[in-house]
N, C-alpha and C. Protein backbone atom coordinates (compact mmCIF):
# COMPACT_ATOMS: atom_id res chain seq x y z
N MET A 1 -52.90 209.81 84.46
CA MET A 1 -54.10 210.42 83.82
C MET A 1 -54.37 209.83 82.48
N GLN A 2 -53.30 209.54 81.70
CA GLN A 2 -53.56 208.98 80.46
C GLN A 2 -54.26 207.66 80.46
N TYR A 3 -54.13 206.93 81.47
CA TYR A 3 -54.71 205.64 81.65
C TYR A 3 -56.22 205.82 81.81
N ILE A 4 -56.53 206.75 82.64
CA ILE A 4 -58.01 207.04 82.86
C ILE A 4 -58.65 207.49 81.59
N ILE A 5 -57.97 208.32 80.82
CA ILE A 5 -58.55 208.82 79.55
C ILE A 5 -58.71 207.63 78.55
N MET A 6 -57.72 206.80 78.49
CA MET A 6 -57.84 205.67 77.54
C MET A 6 -59.00 204.70 77.93
N PHE A 7 -59.03 204.42 79.24
CA PHE A 7 -60.09 203.47 79.69
C PHE A 7 -61.40 204.18 79.55
N GLY A 8 -61.52 205.43 79.86
CA GLY A 8 -62.79 206.19 79.78
C GLY A 8 -63.27 206.25 78.30
N LEU A 9 -62.38 206.40 77.42
CA LEU A 9 -62.83 206.38 75.98
C LEU A 9 -63.25 205.10 75.51
N CYS A 10 -62.70 204.03 76.13
CA CYS A 10 -63.15 202.62 75.70
C CYS A 10 -64.57 202.45 76.37
N VAL A 11 -64.76 202.93 77.51
CA VAL A 11 -66.11 202.77 78.18
C VAL A 11 -67.10 203.60 77.40
N LEU A 12 -66.75 204.80 77.01
CA LEU A 12 -67.61 205.66 76.18
C LEU A 12 -68.07 205.05 74.90
N ALA A 13 -67.08 204.38 74.22
CA ALA A 13 -67.33 203.74 72.96
C ALA A 13 -68.16 202.54 73.14
N SER A 14 -67.97 201.81 74.26
CA SER A 14 -68.90 200.74 74.52
C SER A 14 -70.28 201.17 74.83
N ILE A 15 -70.45 202.23 75.59
CA ILE A 15 -71.77 202.73 75.84
C ILE A 15 -72.47 203.24 74.54
N ALA A 16 -71.75 203.92 73.73
CA ALA A 16 -72.33 204.36 72.51
C ALA A 16 -72.75 203.16 71.61
N ASP A 17 -71.94 202.08 71.57
CA ASP A 17 -72.33 200.92 70.85
C ASP A 17 -73.55 200.28 71.33
N VAL A 18 -73.72 200.23 72.71
CA VAL A 18 -74.90 199.58 73.29
C VAL A 18 -76.18 200.42 72.96
N VAL A 19 -75.98 201.77 73.09
CA VAL A 19 -77.25 202.63 72.78
C VAL A 19 -77.59 202.54 71.35
N THR A 20 -76.66 202.60 70.47
CA THR A 20 -76.97 202.47 69.06
C THR A 20 -77.46 201.09 68.66
N GLY A 21 -76.99 200.07 69.39
CA GLY A 21 -77.54 198.76 69.20
C GLY A 21 -78.96 198.61 69.57
N ILE A 22 -79.36 199.29 70.69
CA ILE A 22 -80.74 199.25 71.20
C ILE A 22 -81.61 200.04 70.19
N CYS A 23 -81.18 201.14 69.67
CA CYS A 23 -81.97 201.91 68.71
C CYS A 23 -82.10 201.10 67.48
N LYS A 24 -81.04 200.41 66.99
CA LYS A 24 -81.17 199.55 65.79
C LYS A 24 -82.15 198.44 65.95
N ALA A 25 -82.08 197.88 67.19
CA ALA A 25 -83.02 196.75 67.45
C ALA A 25 -84.43 197.17 67.36
N TYR A 26 -84.84 198.29 68.05
CA TYR A 26 -86.17 198.73 67.96
C TYR A 26 -86.56 199.27 66.59
N ALA A 27 -85.57 199.69 65.79
CA ALA A 27 -85.92 200.22 64.42
C ALA A 27 -86.13 199.00 63.44
N THR A 28 -85.51 197.87 63.75
CA THR A 28 -85.53 196.77 62.77
C THR A 28 -86.25 195.58 63.33
N THR A 29 -85.59 194.63 63.95
CA THR A 29 -86.20 193.37 64.37
C THR A 29 -86.87 193.37 65.70
N GLY A 30 -86.57 194.28 66.53
CA GLY A 30 -86.98 194.29 67.95
C GLY A 30 -85.98 193.86 68.89
N TYR A 31 -86.16 194.27 70.13
CA TYR A 31 -85.21 194.06 71.21
C TYR A 31 -85.16 192.60 71.60
N ASP A 32 -83.90 192.05 71.76
CA ASP A 32 -83.73 190.64 72.25
C ASP A 32 -82.71 190.68 73.34
N SER A 33 -83.16 190.45 74.52
CA SER A 33 -82.20 190.44 75.73
C SER A 33 -81.10 189.45 75.66
N THR A 34 -81.31 188.37 74.92
CA THR A 34 -80.14 187.35 74.77
C THR A 34 -79.08 187.99 73.94
N ILE A 35 -79.38 188.70 72.87
CA ILE A 35 -78.32 189.35 72.03
C ILE A 35 -77.69 190.42 72.96
N MET A 36 -78.53 191.15 73.71
CA MET A 36 -77.92 192.22 74.52
C MET A 36 -76.91 191.66 75.58
N ARG A 37 -77.35 190.61 76.15
CA ARG A 37 -76.52 189.99 77.18
C ARG A 37 -75.16 189.48 76.60
N LYS A 38 -75.22 188.91 75.46
CA LYS A 38 -73.99 188.51 74.79
C LYS A 38 -73.08 189.68 74.44
N GLY A 39 -73.69 190.77 73.95
CA GLY A 39 -72.98 191.93 73.66
C GLY A 39 -72.31 192.60 74.92
N LEU A 40 -73.04 192.57 75.95
CA LEU A 40 -72.50 193.12 77.22
C LEU A 40 -71.32 192.26 77.76
N TYR A 41 -71.36 190.96 77.52
CA TYR A 41 -70.26 190.13 77.93
C TYR A 41 -68.97 190.50 77.07
N GLY A 42 -69.24 190.75 75.83
CA GLY A 42 -68.16 191.13 74.89
C GLY A 42 -67.56 192.52 75.43
N LYS A 43 -68.39 193.41 75.72
CA LYS A 43 -67.94 194.75 76.22
C LYS A 43 -67.12 194.54 77.48
N ALA A 44 -67.59 193.71 78.43
CA ALA A 44 -66.93 193.49 79.68
C ALA A 44 -65.51 192.86 79.41
N THR A 45 -65.44 191.97 78.40
CA THR A 45 -64.19 191.38 77.95
C THR A 45 -63.24 192.39 77.44
N ASN A 46 -63.77 193.24 76.51
CA ASN A 46 -62.91 194.37 75.99
C ASN A 46 -62.35 195.23 77.11
N LEU A 47 -63.16 195.59 78.03
CA LEU A 47 -62.75 196.55 79.09
C LEU A 47 -61.74 195.84 80.04
N THR A 48 -61.91 194.54 80.24
CA THR A 48 -60.95 193.81 81.07
C THR A 48 -59.59 193.71 80.39
N VAL A 49 -59.61 193.48 78.98
CA VAL A 49 -58.36 193.45 78.23
C VAL A 49 -57.70 194.84 78.32
N MET A 50 -58.48 195.89 78.17
CA MET A 50 -57.90 197.22 78.22
C MET A 50 -57.28 197.48 79.59
N ALA A 51 -57.93 197.13 80.63
CA ALA A 51 -57.37 197.30 81.98
C ALA A 51 -56.11 196.52 82.18
N PHE A 52 -56.08 195.31 81.63
CA PHE A 52 -54.89 194.49 81.67
C PHE A 52 -53.74 195.15 80.92
N ALA A 53 -54.02 195.64 79.73
CA ALA A 53 -52.90 196.35 78.91
C ALA A 53 -52.43 197.56 79.68
N ILE A 54 -53.31 198.26 80.36
CA ILE A 54 -52.83 199.40 81.13
C ILE A 54 -51.95 198.95 82.25
N ALA A 55 -52.36 197.87 82.96
CA ALA A 55 -51.61 197.29 84.06
C ALA A 55 -50.21 196.84 83.49
N VAL A 56 -50.14 196.23 82.32
CA VAL A 56 -48.92 195.78 81.71
C VAL A 56 -48.00 197.06 81.49
N GLU A 57 -48.60 198.18 80.94
CA GLU A 57 -47.77 199.29 80.72
C GLU A 57 -47.23 199.80 82.06
N ILE A 58 -48.04 200.00 83.03
CA ILE A 58 -47.56 200.49 84.35
C ILE A 58 -46.50 199.53 84.92
N GLY A 59 -46.71 198.24 84.84
CA GLY A 59 -45.78 197.32 85.36
C GLY A 59 -44.43 197.35 84.60
N LEU A 60 -44.45 197.41 83.30
CA LEU A 60 -43.23 197.55 82.57
C LEU A 60 -42.42 198.79 82.90
N GLU A 61 -43.14 199.88 83.03
CA GLU A 61 -42.50 201.10 83.51
C GLU A 61 -41.77 200.94 84.81
N LEU A 62 -42.39 200.30 85.79
CA LEU A 62 -41.84 200.06 87.10
C LEU A 62 -40.62 199.08 86.97
N LEU A 63 -40.73 198.11 86.18
CA LEU A 63 -39.67 197.11 86.00
C LEU A 63 -38.50 197.85 85.25
N GLY A 64 -38.81 198.67 84.24
CA GLY A 64 -37.74 199.44 83.65
C GLY A 64 -36.93 200.21 84.54
N GLY A 65 -37.58 200.91 85.55
CA GLY A 65 -36.93 201.66 86.52
C GLY A 65 -36.01 200.75 87.42
N TYR A 66 -36.48 199.56 87.62
CA TYR A 66 -35.76 198.67 88.54
C TYR A 66 -34.44 198.21 87.93
N TYR A 67 -34.57 197.92 86.55
CA TYR A 67 -33.41 197.40 85.73
C TYR A 67 -32.67 198.52 84.98
N GLN A 68 -32.95 199.72 85.21
CA GLN A 68 -32.31 200.82 84.53
C GLN A 68 -32.53 200.80 83.00
N GLN A 69 -33.74 200.44 82.63
CA GLN A 69 -34.08 200.38 81.20
C GLN A 69 -35.46 201.10 81.00
N GLU A 70 -35.56 202.31 81.63
CA GLU A 70 -36.79 203.04 81.65
C GLU A 70 -37.36 203.24 80.25
N GLN A 71 -36.50 203.74 79.38
CA GLN A 71 -37.02 204.12 78.06
C GLN A 71 -37.59 202.86 77.29
N LEU A 72 -36.87 201.84 77.27
CA LEU A 72 -37.29 200.65 76.55
C LEU A 72 -38.63 200.17 77.13
N ALA A 73 -38.69 200.10 78.47
CA ALA A 73 -39.87 199.55 79.07
C ALA A 73 -41.05 200.52 78.87
N LYS A 74 -40.78 201.84 78.87
CA LYS A 74 -41.90 202.78 78.66
C LYS A 74 -42.42 202.68 77.23
N TRP A 75 -41.53 202.50 76.20
CA TRP A 75 -42.01 202.32 74.81
C TRP A 75 -42.79 200.98 74.67
N THR A 76 -42.30 199.97 75.25
CA THR A 76 -42.93 198.68 75.18
C THR A 76 -44.31 198.66 75.73
N GLY A 77 -44.41 199.32 76.92
CA GLY A 77 -45.74 199.40 77.57
C GLY A 77 -46.66 200.30 76.86
N ALA A 78 -46.20 201.42 76.33
CA ALA A 78 -47.03 202.35 75.51
C ALA A 78 -47.51 201.69 74.25
N ILE A 79 -46.64 200.98 73.57
CA ILE A 79 -47.13 200.21 72.37
C ILE A 79 -48.19 199.23 72.67
N THR A 80 -47.96 198.49 73.73
CA THR A 80 -49.00 197.40 74.19
C THR A 80 -50.32 198.07 74.46
N ALA A 81 -50.42 199.04 75.37
CA ALA A 81 -51.67 199.67 75.76
C ALA A 81 -52.20 200.45 74.54
N GLY A 82 -51.40 201.11 73.76
CA GLY A 82 -51.84 201.85 72.59
C GLY A 82 -52.49 201.02 71.58
N PHE A 83 -51.89 199.85 71.29
CA PHE A 83 -52.43 198.89 70.33
C PHE A 83 -53.82 198.39 70.76
N VAL A 84 -53.87 197.93 71.96
CA VAL A 84 -55.19 197.46 72.53
C VAL A 84 -56.29 198.54 72.50
N PHE A 85 -55.84 199.69 72.95
CA PHE A 85 -56.72 200.82 72.89
C PHE A 85 -57.34 201.09 71.48
N ALA A 86 -56.41 201.25 70.51
CA ALA A 86 -56.84 201.47 69.14
C ALA A 86 -57.69 200.37 68.60
N LEU A 87 -57.39 199.12 68.96
CA LEU A 87 -58.19 197.96 68.42
C LEU A 87 -59.63 198.04 68.98
N ILE A 88 -59.78 198.26 70.27
CA ILE A 88 -61.08 198.30 70.88
C ILE A 88 -61.85 199.50 70.36
N VAL A 89 -61.31 200.67 70.28
CA VAL A 89 -61.96 201.84 69.72
C VAL A 89 -62.36 201.65 68.25
N LEU A 90 -61.51 201.01 67.50
CA LEU A 90 -61.85 200.67 66.10
C LEU A 90 -63.02 199.75 66.02
N MET A 91 -62.95 198.70 66.76
CA MET A 91 -64.08 197.69 66.73
C MET A 91 -65.35 198.37 67.18
N GLU A 92 -65.39 199.11 68.24
CA GLU A 92 -66.58 199.79 68.66
C GLU A 92 -67.07 200.76 67.66
N SER A 93 -66.18 201.48 66.99
CA SER A 93 -66.60 202.49 66.04
C SER A 93 -67.23 201.82 64.78
N ILE A 94 -66.70 200.67 64.34
CA ILE A 94 -67.29 199.84 63.29
C ILE A 94 -68.68 199.40 63.68
N SER A 95 -68.84 198.96 64.89
CA SER A 95 -70.14 198.46 65.38
C SER A 95 -71.12 199.57 65.38
N ILE A 96 -70.65 200.74 65.89
CA ILE A 96 -71.59 201.94 65.97
C ILE A 96 -72.05 202.27 64.57
N ALA A 97 -71.16 202.34 63.60
CA ALA A 97 -71.45 202.62 62.21
C ALA A 97 -72.38 201.60 61.62
N GLU A 98 -72.19 200.33 61.90
CA GLU A 98 -73.14 199.33 61.45
C GLU A 98 -74.56 199.51 62.05
N ASN A 99 -74.57 199.76 63.34
CA ASN A 99 -75.88 200.03 63.90
C ASN A 99 -76.56 201.21 63.37
N PHE A 100 -75.91 202.29 63.12
CA PHE A 100 -76.48 203.47 62.51
C PHE A 100 -76.95 203.15 61.12
N ALA A 101 -76.17 202.40 60.33
CA ALA A 101 -76.55 202.13 58.95
C ALA A 101 -77.80 201.28 58.93
N GLN A 102 -77.93 200.34 59.85
CA GLN A 102 -79.07 199.44 59.93
C GLN A 102 -80.29 200.10 60.41
N ALA A 103 -80.15 201.04 61.29
CA ALA A 103 -81.28 201.80 61.97
C ALA A 103 -81.84 202.89 61.01
N ASN A 104 -80.96 203.36 60.15
CA ASN A 104 -81.40 204.48 59.23
C ASN A 104 -81.12 204.09 57.76
N PRO A 105 -81.80 203.05 57.24
CA PRO A 105 -81.43 202.57 55.90
C PRO A 105 -81.70 203.59 54.79
N LYS A 106 -82.49 204.58 54.99
CA LYS A 106 -82.76 205.62 53.93
C LYS A 106 -81.86 206.77 53.97
N SER A 107 -81.08 206.89 55.00
CA SER A 107 -80.08 208.02 55.08
C SER A 107 -78.97 207.79 54.03
N PRO A 108 -78.56 208.81 53.32
CA PRO A 108 -77.48 208.67 52.36
C PRO A 108 -76.17 208.29 53.06
N LEU A 109 -75.94 208.88 54.19
CA LEU A 109 -74.70 208.47 55.01
C LEU A 109 -74.76 207.02 55.34
N ALA A 110 -75.96 206.52 55.78
CA ALA A 110 -76.09 205.12 56.18
C ALA A 110 -75.77 204.18 54.99
N LYS A 111 -76.27 204.58 53.79
CA LYS A 111 -76.05 203.84 52.63
C LYS A 111 -74.53 203.63 52.30
N ILE A 112 -73.86 204.78 52.35
CA ILE A 112 -72.40 204.75 52.14
C ILE A 112 -71.66 203.88 53.20
N LEU A 113 -72.08 204.08 54.46
CA LEU A 113 -71.52 203.27 55.57
C LEU A 113 -71.68 201.78 55.29
N ALA A 114 -72.96 201.47 55.03
CA ALA A 114 -73.32 200.02 54.85
C ALA A 114 -72.49 199.42 53.72
N LYS A 115 -72.35 200.17 52.60
CA LYS A 115 -71.57 199.68 51.50
C LYS A 115 -70.09 199.50 51.88
N ARG A 116 -69.53 200.43 52.53
CA ARG A 116 -68.12 200.34 52.95
C ARG A 116 -67.94 199.13 54.04
N LEU A 117 -68.86 199.03 54.95
CA LEU A 117 -68.74 198.05 55.97
C LEU A 117 -68.87 196.63 55.36
N LYS A 118 -69.77 196.43 54.36
CA LYS A 118 -69.90 195.12 53.73
C LYS A 118 -68.57 194.74 53.09
N LYS A 119 -67.90 195.72 52.44
CA LYS A 119 -66.71 195.51 51.78
C LYS A 119 -65.60 195.17 52.87
N ILE A 120 -65.59 195.82 53.93
CA ILE A 120 -64.60 195.50 54.99
C ILE A 120 -64.94 194.10 55.53
N GLY A 121 -66.18 193.81 55.79
CA GLY A 121 -66.64 192.46 56.28
C GLY A 121 -66.13 191.41 55.35
N LYS A 122 -66.28 191.58 54.06
CA LYS A 122 -65.88 190.51 53.08
C LYS A 122 -64.41 190.33 53.11
N GLN A 123 -63.68 191.40 53.27
CA GLN A 123 -62.18 191.30 53.32
C GLN A 123 -61.73 190.60 54.54
N ILE A 124 -62.36 190.84 55.67
CA ILE A 124 -62.03 190.09 56.96
C ILE A 124 -62.44 188.66 56.78
N GLU A 125 -63.53 188.38 56.24
CA GLU A 125 -64.01 186.96 56.01
C GLU A 125 -62.98 186.22 55.15
N GLU A 126 -62.59 186.90 54.02
CA GLU A 126 -61.66 186.20 53.14
C GLU A 126 -60.33 185.94 53.82
N GLU A 127 -59.80 186.93 54.56
CA GLU A 127 -58.58 186.74 55.22
C GLU A 127 -58.64 185.60 56.28
N SER A 128 -59.82 185.57 56.99
CA SER A 128 -60.03 184.59 58.04
C SER A 128 -60.04 183.16 57.33
N ASN A 129 -60.78 183.03 56.25
CA ASN A 129 -60.75 181.76 55.46
C ASN A 129 -59.38 181.38 55.02
N ASP A 130 -58.60 182.33 54.55
CA ASP A 130 -57.23 182.04 54.13
C ASP A 130 -56.38 181.48 55.21
N GLU A 131 -56.54 182.07 56.44
CA GLU A 131 -55.80 181.65 57.64
C GLU A 131 -56.19 180.19 58.01
N LYS A 132 -57.52 179.89 57.91
CA LYS A 132 -57.98 178.55 58.32
C LYS A 132 -57.41 177.54 57.30
N GLU A 133 -57.33 177.87 56.01
CA GLU A 133 -56.85 176.96 55.02
C GLU A 133 -55.37 176.72 55.21
N GLU A 134 -54.55 177.75 55.72
CA GLU A 134 -53.14 177.54 55.91
C GLU A 134 -52.81 176.59 57.09
N LYS A 135 -53.79 176.54 58.04
CA LYS A 135 -53.54 175.67 59.23
C LYS A 135 -53.95 174.27 58.79
């Protein structure tokens, strides 16, 4: 049951992102099917990765039972699926907040969100540039 809930929440977050993205598009630049198509490919990739993480968790639990290492396998699988789940929900939540901020530029909440998201975006960009320089 937990797997259905995790996957369902990822699907719900993806749908919410698509809907807020469409609203943002109509409120700002206009709808572009090319952008929508690329976004849907990203959503499909996210959901595939989540399904794979769930399969890894189930597989590790089964292997743990086979090798009498149930507890270790259960924790390893839970960490794997939990990490992927948290990452996908976080990414979708940030995207939803960005869409909201861009669709409602006069909203006080949107202004706060936009300011915070820009700061997060700059931090991610700086860390990404640091990693590129290290390679």
